[in-house]
Amino acid sequence: MRNTNLTEENIKVPQDVLIDLLAILMKEELNYEIAEVLENRAIAVISIRIDQSKPRQIKAVQNIQQLLTSYNEYRYSEDETLNWREN
C-alpha cells in the first residue's frame, strides 16, 4: 500500500551550507537523495521526501528552508551590515 501522505521537495543547496543541511536531514531521519550536482555553480540539488503526517518532518523542512533563506540574505544582501563582501 502506498503512503499518500508523502510529498517530495527539491531544493538547491549552495556548498557553503551543504554540511549543515545534511546534518539536519540525518538527525531528523528524512529520506533524501542528491539528485544533481551543479559543479560549475557549487550547488547540489537535493530531493527530500516528507511524510505530511509527521509534524517533526514538516518542521525540519521548514527549518531547512529558513536556513537557505538566511544564507541567501547574508550572501546576496545589498544591506552593508549584512553584505559579507564589503567587510
PDB file of N, CA and C in Angstrom:
ATOM      1  N   MET A   1       0.842  -1.185   0.000  1.00  0.00           N
ATOM      2  CA  MET A   1       0.000   0.000   0.000  1.00  0.00           C
ATOM      3  C   MET A   1       0.880   1.239   0.000  1.00  0.00           C
ATOM      4  N   ARG A   2       0.569   2.160  -0.842  1.00  0.00           N
ATOM      5  CA  ARG A   2       1.363   3.371  -1.000  1.00  0.00           C
ATOM      6  C   ARG A   2       0.886   4.447  -0.036  1.00  0.00           C
ATOM      7  N   ASN A   3       1.843   5.117   0.599  1.00  0.00           N
ATOM      8  CA  ASN A   3       1.528   6.184   1.550  1.00  0.00           C
ATOM      9  C   ASN A   3       1.206   7.459   0.774  1.00  0.00           C
ATOM     10  N   THR A   4      -0.039   7.928   0.862  1.00  0.00           N
ATOM     11  CA  THR A   4      -0.448   9.124   0.133  1.00  0.00           C
ATOM     12  C   THR A   4      -0.061  10.404   0.862  1.00  0.00           C
ATOM     13  N   ASN A   5       0.498  10.283   2.066  1.00  0.00           N
ATOM     14  CA  ASN A   5       0.922  11.460   2.823  1.00  0.00           C
ATOM     15  C   ASN A   5       2.318  11.928   2.449  1.00  0.00           C
ATOM     16  N   LEU A   6       2.976  11.221   1.542  1.00  0.00           N
ATOM     17  CA  LEU A   6       4.334  11.579   1.158  1.00  0.00           C
ATOM     18  C   LEU A   6       4.329  12.654   0.077  1.00  0.00           C
ATOM     19  N   THR A   7       5.155  13.656   0.273  1.00  0.00           N
ATOM     20  CA  THR A   7       5.389  14.658  -0.757  1.00  0.00           C
ATOM     21  C   THR A   7       6.886  14.749  -0.979  1.00  0.00           C
ATOM     22  N   GLU A   8       7.253  15.327  -2.081  1.00  0.00           N
ATOM     23  CA  GLU A   8       8.667  15.453  -2.408  1.00  0.00           C
ATOM     24  C   GLU A   8       8.980  16.917  -2.677  1.00  0.00           C
ATOM     25  N   GLU A   9      10.094  17.366  -2.147  1.00  0.00           N
ATOM     26  CA  GLU A   9      10.525  18.745  -2.348  1.00  0.00           C
ATOM     27  C   GLU A   9      11.952  18.729  -2.864  1.00  0.00           C
ATOM     28  N   ASN A  10      12.189  19.470  -3.937  1.00  0.00           N
ATOM     29  CA  ASN A  10      13.534  19.610  -4.487  1.00  0.00           C
ATOM     30  C   ASN A  10      14.075  20.975  -4.096  1.00  0.00           C
ATOM     31  N   ILE A  11      15.272  20.968  -3.530  1.00  0.00           N
ATOM     32  CA  ILE A  11      15.881  22.235  -3.123  1.00  0.00           C
ATOM     33  C   ILE A  11      17.293  22.324  -3.674  1.00  0.00           C
ATOM     34  N   LYS A  12      17.700  23.547  -3.975  1.00  0.00           N
ATOM     35  CA  LYS A  12      19.066  23.812  -4.426  1.00  0.00           C
ATOM     36  C   LYS A  12      19.864  24.301  -3.229  1.00  0.00           C
ATOM     37  N   VAL A  13      20.967  23.622  -2.957  1.00  0.00           N
ATOM     38  CA  VAL A  13      21.750  23.899  -1.758  1.00  0.00           C
ATOM     39  C   VAL A  13      23.153  24.341  -2.148  1.00  0.00           C
ATOM     40  N   PRO A  14      23.540  25.576  -1.780  1.00  0.00           N
ATOM     41  CA  PRO A  14      24.914  26.013  -2.027  1.00  0.00           C
ATOM     42  C   PRO A  14      25.891  25.201  -1.186  1.00  0.00           C
ATOM     43  N   GLN A  15      27.103  25.010  -1.708  1.00  0.00           N
ATOM     44  CA  GLN A  15      28.086  24.198  -0.989  1.00  0.00           C
ATOM     45  C   GLN A  15      28.416  24.768   0.393  1.00  0.00           C
ATOM     46  N   ASP A  16      28.243  26.061   0.587  1.00  0.00           N
ATOM     47  CA  ASP A  16      28.554  26.692   1.874  1.00  0.00           C
ATOM     48  C   ASP A  16      27.694  26.165   3.014  1.00  0.00           C
ATOM     49  N   VAL A  17      26.489  25.702   2.727  1.00  0.00           N
ATOM     50  CA  VAL A  17      25.585  25.223   3.780  1.00  0.00           C
ATOM     51  C   VAL A  17      25.218  23.749   3.621  1.00  0.00           C
ATOM     52  N   LEU A  18      25.881  23.069   2.700  1.00  0.00           N
ATOM     53  CA  LEU A  18      25.542  21.671   2.422  1.00  0.00           C
ATOM     54  C   LEU A  18      25.721  20.770   3.644  1.00  0.00           C
ATOM     55  N   ILE A  19      26.814  20.903   4.364  1.00  0.00           N
ATOM     56  CA  ILE A  19      27.059  20.057   5.528  1.00  0.00           C
ATOM     57  C   ILE A  19      26.014  20.317   6.615  1.00  0.00           C
ATOM     58  N   ASP A  20      25.669  21.579   6.846  1.00  0.00           N
ATOM     59  CA  ASP A  20      24.638  21.910   7.841  1.00  0.00           C
ATOM     60  C   ASP A  20      23.305  21.277   7.466  1.00  0.00           C
ATOM     61  N   LEU A  21      22.971  21.356   6.196  1.00  0.00           N
ATOM     62  CA  LEU A  21      21.709  20.803   5.738  1.00  0.00           C
ATOM     63  C   LEU A  21      21.699  19.277   5.842  1.00  0.00           C
ATOM     64  N   LEU A  22      22.785  18.639   5.467  1.00  0.00           N
ATOM     65  CA  LEU A  22      22.856  17.184   5.571  1.00  0.00           C
ATOM     66  C   LEU A  22      22.765  16.729   7.026  1.00  0.00           C
ATOM     67  N   ALA A  23      23.320  17.507   7.935  1.00  0.00           N
ATOM     68  CA  ALA A  23      23.222  17.180   9.359  1.00  0.00           C
ATOM     69  C   ALA A  23      21.760  17.178   9.812  1.00  0.00           C
ATOM     70  N   ILE A  24      20.990  18.164   9.356  1.00  0.00           N
ATOM     71  CA  ILE A  24      19.557  18.215   9.704  1.00  0.00           C
ATOM     72  C   ILE A  24      18.834  17.005   9.118  1.00  0.00           C
ATOM     73  N   LEU A  25      19.113  16.691   7.862  1.00  0.00           N
ATOM     74  CA  LEU A  25      18.446  15.564   7.208  1.00  0.00           C
ATOM     75  C   LEU A  25      18.720  14.252   7.939  1.00  0.00           C
ATOM     76  N   MET A  26      19.958  14.046   8.330  1.00  0.00           N
ATOM     77  CA  MET A  26      20.300  12.796   9.018  1.00  0.00           C
ATOM     78  C   MET A  26      19.759  12.767  10.439  1.00  0.00           C
ATOM     79  N   LYS A  27      19.856  13.882  11.144  1.00  0.00           N
ATOM     80  CA  LYS A  27      19.359  13.928  12.517  1.00  0.00           C
ATOM     81  C   LYS A  27      17.857  13.649  12.565  1.00  0.00           C
ATOM     82  N   GLU A  28      17.125  14.214  11.638  1.00  0.00           N
ATOM     83  CA  GLU A  28      15.673  14.051  11.614  1.00  0.00           C
ATOM     84  C   GLU A  28      15.226  12.816  10.835  1.00  0.00           C
ATOM     85  N   GLU A  29      16.195  12.051  10.336  1.00  0.00           N
ATOM     86  CA  GLU A  29      15.927  10.811   9.613  1.00  0.00           C
ATOM     87  C   GLU A  29      14.973  11.003   8.435  1.00  0.00           C
ATOM     88  N   LEU A  30      15.203  12.077   7.695  1.00  0.00           N
ATOM     89  CA  LEU A  30      14.415  12.347   6.496  1.00  0.00           C
ATOM     90  C   LEU A  30      14.990  11.544   5.332  1.00  0.00           C
ATOM     91  N   ASN A  31      14.115  11.063   4.469  1.00  0.00           N
ATOM     92  CA  ASN A  31      14.560  10.379   3.262  1.00  0.00           C
ATOM     93  C   ASN A  31      14.941  11.447   2.241  1.00  0.00           C
ATOM     94  N   TYR A  32      16.150  11.332   1.713  1.00  0.00           N
ATOM     95  CA  TYR A  32      16.610  12.312   0.734  1.00  0.00           C
ATOM     96  C   TYR A  32      17.495  11.632  -0.294  1.00  0.00           C
ATOM     97  N   GLU A  33      17.679  12.343  -1.390  1.00  0.00           N
ATOM     98  CA  GLU A  33      18.550  11.871  -2.450  1.00  0.00           C
ATOM     99  C   GLU A  33      19.213  13.092  -3.077  1.00  0.00           C
ATOM    100  N   ILE A  34      20.493  12.987  -3.311  1.00  0.00           N
ATOM    101  CA  ILE A  34      21.175  14.057  -4.043  1.00  0.00           C
ATOM    102  C   ILE A  34      20.884  13.792  -5.514  1.00  0.00           C
ATOM    103  N   ALA A  35      20.004  14.615  -6.063  1.00  0.00           N
ATOM    104  CA  ALA A  35      19.500  14.399  -7.414  1.00  0.00           C
ATOM    105  C   ALA A  35      20.479  14.872  -8.482  1.00  0.00           C
ATOM    106  N   GLU A  36      21.227  15.926  -8.157  1.00  0.00           N
ATOM    107  CA  GLU A  36      22.116  16.515  -9.158  1.00  0.00           C
ATOM    108  C   GLU A  36      23.164  17.361  -8.461  1.00  0.00           C
ATOM    109  N   VAL A  37      24.341  17.435  -9.052  1.00  0.00           N
ATOM    110  CA  VAL A  37      25.386  18.319  -8.558  1.00  0.00           C
ATOM    111  C   VAL A  37      25.779  19.243  -9.702  1.00  0.00           C
ATOM    112  N   LEU A  38      25.630  20.536  -9.454  1.00  0.00           N
ATOM    113  CA  LEU A  38      25.990  21.546 -10.456  1.00  0.00           C
ATOM    114  C   LEU A  38      27.359  22.098 -10.063  1.00  0.00           C
ATOM    115  N   GLU A  39      28.406  21.432 -10.524  1.00  0.00           N
ATOM    116  CA  GLU A  39      29.764  21.771 -10.095  1.00  0.00           C
ATOM    117  C   GLU A  39      30.154  23.193 -10.446  1.00  0.00           C
ATOM    118  N   ASN A  40      29.782  23.652 -11.618  1.00  0.00           N
ATOM    119  CA  ASN A  40      30.174  24.989 -12.045  1.00  0.00           C
ATOM    120  C   ASN A  40      29.508  26.096 -11.230  1.00  0.00           C
ATOM    121  N   ARG A  41      28.417  25.761 -10.518  1.00  0.00           N
ATOM    122  CA  ARG A  41      27.732  26.742  -9.675  1.00  0.00           C
ATOM    123  C   ARG A  41      27.869  26.422  -8.196  1.00  0.00           C
ATOM    124  N   ALA A  42      28.561  25.322  -7.859  1.00  0.00           N
ATOM    125  CA  ALA A  42      28.776  24.882  -6.472  1.00  0.00           C
ATOM    126  C   ALA A  42      27.447  24.689  -5.738  1.00  0.00           C
ATOM    127  N   ILE A  43      26.535  23.973  -6.415  1.00  0.00           N
ATOM    128  CA  ILE A  43      25.193  23.735  -5.869  1.00  0.00           C
ATOM    129  C   ILE A  43      24.850  22.252  -6.010  1.00  0.00           C
ATOM    130  N   ALA A  44      24.194  21.725  -4.986  1.00  0.00           N
ATOM    131  CA  ALA A  44      23.643  20.367  -5.048  1.00  0.00           C
ATOM    132  C   ALA A  44      22.121  20.486  -5.038  1.00  0.00           C
ATOM    133  N   VAL A  45      21.470  19.699  -5.865  1.00  0.00           N
ATOM    134  CA  VAL A  45      20.017  19.639  -5.871  1.00  0.00           C
ATOM    135  C   VAL A  45      19.632  18.398  -5.068  1.00  0.00           C
ATOM    136  N   ILE A  46      18.885  18.613  -3.988  1.00  0.00           N
ATOM    137  CA  ILE A  46      18.510  17.528  -3.094  1.00  0.00           C
ATOM    138  C   ILE A  46      16.997  17.349  -3.121  1.00  0.00           C
ATOM    139  N   SER A  47      16.603  16.109  -3.272  1.00  0.00           N
ATOM    140  CA  SER A  47      15.182  15.746  -3.260  1.00  0.00           C
ATOM    141  C   SER A  47      14.869  15.150  -1.894  1.00  0.00           C
ATOM    142  N   ILE A  48      13.921  15.777  -1.182  1.00  0.00           N
ATOM    143  CA  ILE A  48      13.550  15.340   0.161  1.00  0.00           C
ATOM    144  C   ILE A  48      12.127  14.803   0.120  1.00  0.00           C
ATOM    145  N   ARG A  49      11.931  13.608   0.679  1.00  0.00           N
ATOM    146  CA  ARG A  49      10.603  13.032   0.785  1.00  0.00           C
ATOM    147  C   ARG A  49      10.080  13.282   2.197  1.00  0.00           C
ATOM    148  N   ILE A  50       8.908  13.909   2.267  1.00  0.00           N
ATOM    149  CA  ILE A  50       8.345  14.342   3.545  1.00  0.00           C
ATOM    150  C   ILE A  50       7.037  13.601   3.794  1.00  0.00           C
ATOM    151  N   ASP A  51       6.930  13.029   4.978  1.00  0.00           N
ATOM    152  CA  ASP A  51       5.674  12.410   5.402  1.00  0.00           C
ATOM    153  C   ASP A  51       4.839  13.500   6.069  1.00  0.00           C
ATOM    154  N   GLN A  52       3.789  13.947   5.399  1.00  0.00           N
ATOM    155  CA  GLN A  52       2.969  15.055   5.883  1.00  0.00           C
ATOM    156  C   GLN A  52       2.218  14.723   7.178  1.00  0.00           C
ATOM    157  N   SER A  53       2.163  13.447   7.545  1.00  0.00           N
ATOM    158  CA  SER A  53       1.504  13.075   8.797  1.00  0.00           C
ATOM    159  C   SER A  53       2.452  13.176   9.996  1.00  0.00           C
ATOM    160  N   LYS A  54       3.721  13.543   9.730  1.00  0.00           N
ATOM    161  CA  LYS A  54       4.711  13.659  10.809  1.00  0.00           C
ATOM    162  C   LYS A  54       5.124  15.125  10.966  1.00  0.00           C
ATOM    163  N   PRO A  55       4.587  15.805  11.969  1.00  0.00           N
ATOM    164  CA  PRO A  55       4.886  17.227  12.165  1.00  0.00           C
ATOM    165  C   PRO A  55       6.389  17.523  12.310  1.00  0.00           C
ATOM    166  N   ARG A  56       7.125  16.588  12.870  1.00  0.00           N
ATOM    167  CA  ARG A  56       8.568  16.801  13.048  1.00  0.00           C
ATOM    168  C   ARG A  56       9.275  16.911  11.694  1.00  0.00           C
ATOM    169  N   GLN A  57       8.868  16.116  10.728  1.00  0.00           N
ATOM    170  CA  GLN A  57       9.464  16.204   9.391  1.00  0.00           C
ATOM    171  C   GLN A  57       9.098  17.516   8.709  1.00  0.00           C
ATOM    172  N   ILE A  58       7.856  17.936   8.872  1.00  0.00           N
ATOM    173  CA  ILE A  58       7.423  19.208   8.292  1.00  0.00           C
ATOM    174  C   ILE A  58       8.233  20.349   8.890  1.00  0.00           C
ATOM    175  N   LYS A  59       8.413  20.339  10.202  1.00  0.00           N
ATOM    176  CA  LYS A  59       9.187  21.382  10.889  1.00  0.00           C
ATOM    177  C   LYS A  59      10.647  21.356  10.443  1.00  0.00           C
ATOM    178  N   ALA A  60      11.204  20.181  10.252  1.00  0.00           N
ATOM    179  CA  ALA A  60      12.595  20.071   9.801  1.00  0.00           C
ATOM    180  C   ALA A  60      12.777  20.704   8.424  1.00  0.00           C
ATOM    181  N   VAL A  61      11.831  20.460   7.531  1.00  0.00           N
ATOM    182  CA  VAL A  61      11.912  21.050   6.192  1.00  0.00           C
ATOM    183  C   VAL A  61      11.740  22.569   6.268  1.00  0.00           C
ATOM    184  N   GLN A  62      10.863  23.041   7.140  1.00  0.00           N
ATOM    185  CA  GLN A  62      10.718  24.484   7.338  1.00  0.00           C
ATOM    186  C   GLN A  62      12.027  25.084   7.855  1.00  0.00           C
ATOM    187  N   ASN A  63      12.707  24.387   8.749  1.00  0.00           N
ATOM    188  CA  ASN A  63      13.994  24.856   9.263  1.00  0.00           C
ATOM    189  C   ASN A  63      15.046  24.907   8.154  1.00  0.00           C
ATOM    190  N   ILE A  64      15.021  23.924   7.278  1.00  0.00           N
ATOM    191  CA  ILE A  64      15.950  23.910   6.139  1.00  0.00           C
ATOM    192  C   ILE A  64      15.672  25.102   5.232  1.00  0.00           C
ATOM    193  N   GLN A  65      14.407  25.355   4.956  1.00  0.00           N
ATOM    194  CA  GLN A  65      14.051  26.493   4.110  1.00  0.00           C
ATOM    195  C   GLN A  65      14.486  27.810   4.751  1.00  0.00           C
ATOM    196  N   GLN A  66      14.331  27.922   6.068  1.00  0.00           N
ATOM    197  CA  GLN A  66      14.759  29.132   6.774  1.00  0.00           C
ATOM    198  C   GLN A  66      16.280  29.284   6.717  1.00  0.00           C
ATOM    199  N   LEU A  67      17.002  28.189   6.861  1.00  0.00           N
ATOM    200  CA  LEU A  67      18.460  28.215   6.754  1.00  0.00           C
ATOM    201  C   LEU A  67      18.885  28.740   5.385  1.00  0.00           C
ATOM    202  N   LEU A  68      18.238  28.244   4.338  1.00  0.00           N
ATOM    203  CA  LEU A  68      18.582  28.688   2.980  1.00  0.00           C
ATOM    204  C   LEU A  68      18.204  30.149   2.751  1.00  0.00           C
ATOM    205  N   THR A  69      17.072  30.574   3.296  1.00  0.00           N
ATOM    206  CA  THR A  69      16.664  31.974   3.180  1.00  0.00           C
ATOM    207  C   THR A  69      17.657  32.885   3.898  1.00  0.00           C
ATOM    208  N   SER A  70      18.041  32.511   5.098  1.00  0.00           N
ATOM    209  CA  SER A  70      19.006  33.309   5.864  1.00  0.00           C
ATOM    210  C   SER A  70      20.344  33.368   5.146  1.00  0.00           C
ATOM    211  N   TYR A  71      20.771  32.245   4.585  1.00  0.00           N
ATOM    212  CA  TYR A  71      22.033  32.218   3.847  1.00  0.00           C
ATOM    213  C   TYR A  71      21.967  33.163   2.648  1.00  0.00           C
ATOM    214  N   ASN A  72      20.864  33.107   1.897  1.00  0.00           N
ATOM    215  CA  ASN A  72      20.728  33.971   0.720  1.00  0.00           C
ATOM    216  C   ASN A  72      20.696  35.443   1.112  1.00  0.00           C
ATOM    217  N   GLU A  73      20.037  35.756   2.214  1.00  0.00           N
ATOM    218  CA  GLU A  73      20.022  37.152   2.687  1.00  0.00           C
ATOM    219  C   GLU A  73      21.427  37.601   3.048  1.00  0.00           C
ATOM    220  N   TYR A  74      22.166  36.758   3.716  1.00  0.00           N
ATOM    221  CA  TYR A  74      23.538  37.084   4.116  1.00  0.00           C
ATOM    222  C   TYR A  74      24.454  37.186   2.903  1.00  0.00           C
ATOM    223  N   ARG A  75      24.337  36.220   2.011  1.00  0.00           N
ATOM    224  CA  ARG A  75      25.256  36.130   0.873  1.00  0.00           C
ATOM    225  C   ARG A  75      25.018  37.212  -0.172  1.00  0.00           C
ATOM    226  N   TYR A  76      23.768  37.545  -0.418  1.00  0.00           N
ATOM    227  CA  TYR A  76      23.455  38.444  -1.529  1.00  0.00           C
ATOM    228  C   TYR A  76      22.851  39.774  -1.109  1.00  0.00           C
ATOM    229  N   SER A  77      22.922  40.096   0.155  1.00  0.00           N
ATOM    230  CA  SER A  77      22.295  41.305   0.655  1.00  0.00           C
ATOM    231  C   SER A  77      22.977  42.567   0.118  1.00  0.00           C
ATOM    232  N   GLU A  78      22.159  43.564  -0.140  1.00  0.00           N
ATOM    233  CA  GLU A  78      22.667  44.881  -0.509  1.00  0.00           C
ATOM    234  C   GLU A  78      22.871  45.735   0.735  1.00  0.00           C
ATOM    235  N   ASP A  79      22.348  45.282   1.859  1.00  0.00           N
ATOM    236  CA  ASP A  79      22.487  45.976   3.135  1.00  0.00           C
ATOM    237  C   ASP A  79      23.943  45.866   3.594  1.00  0.00           C
ATOM    238  N   GLU A  80      24.586  46.982   3.854  1.00  0.00           N
ATOM    239  CA  GLU A  80      26.009  46.980   4.210  1.00  0.00           C
ATOM    240  C   GLU A  80      26.298  46.205   5.485  1.00  0.00           C
ATOM    241  N   THR A  81      25.334  46.144   6.410  1.00  0.00           N
ATOM    242  CA  THR A  81      25.583  45.423   7.655  1.00  0.00           C
ATOM    243  C   THR A  81      25.535  43.913   7.453  1.00  0.00           C
ATOM    244  N   LEU A  82      24.886  43.452   6.377  1.00  0.00           N
ATOM    245  CA  LEU A  82      24.797  42.022   6.121  1.00  0.00           C
ATOM    246  C   LEU A  82      25.729  41.545   5.010  1.00  0.00           C
ATOM    247  N   ASN A  83      26.136  42.434   4.142  1.00  0.00           N
ATOM    248  CA  ASN A  83      26.905  42.059   2.976  1.00  0.00           C
ATOM    249  C   ASN A  83      28.336  41.729   3.360  1.00  0.00           C
ATOM    250  N   TRP A  84      28.660  40.461   3.393  1.00  0.00           N
ATOM    251  CA  TRP A  84      29.981  39.995   3.790  1.00  0.00           C
ATOM    252  C   TRP A  84      31.070  40.407   2.816  1.00  0.00           C
ATOM    253  N   ARG A  85      30.697  40.706   1.572  1.00  0.00           N
ATOM    254  CA  ARG A  85      31.687  41.068   0.562  1.00  0.00           C
ATOM    255  C   ARG A  85      32.307  42.435   0.834  1.00  0.00           C
ATOM    256  N   GLU A  86      31.628  43.282   1.587  1.00  0.00           N
ATOM    257  CA  GLU A  86      32.103  44.638   1.848  1.00  0.00           C
ATOM    258  C   GLU A  86      33.035  44.711   3.063  1.00  0.00           C
ATOM    259  N   ASN A  87      33.094  43.648   3.851  1.00  0.00           N
ATOM    260  CA  ASN A  87      33.912  43.661   5.077  1.00  0.00           C
ATOM    261  C   ASN A  87      35.361  43.341   4.806  1.00  0.00           C
TER     262      ASN A  87
END
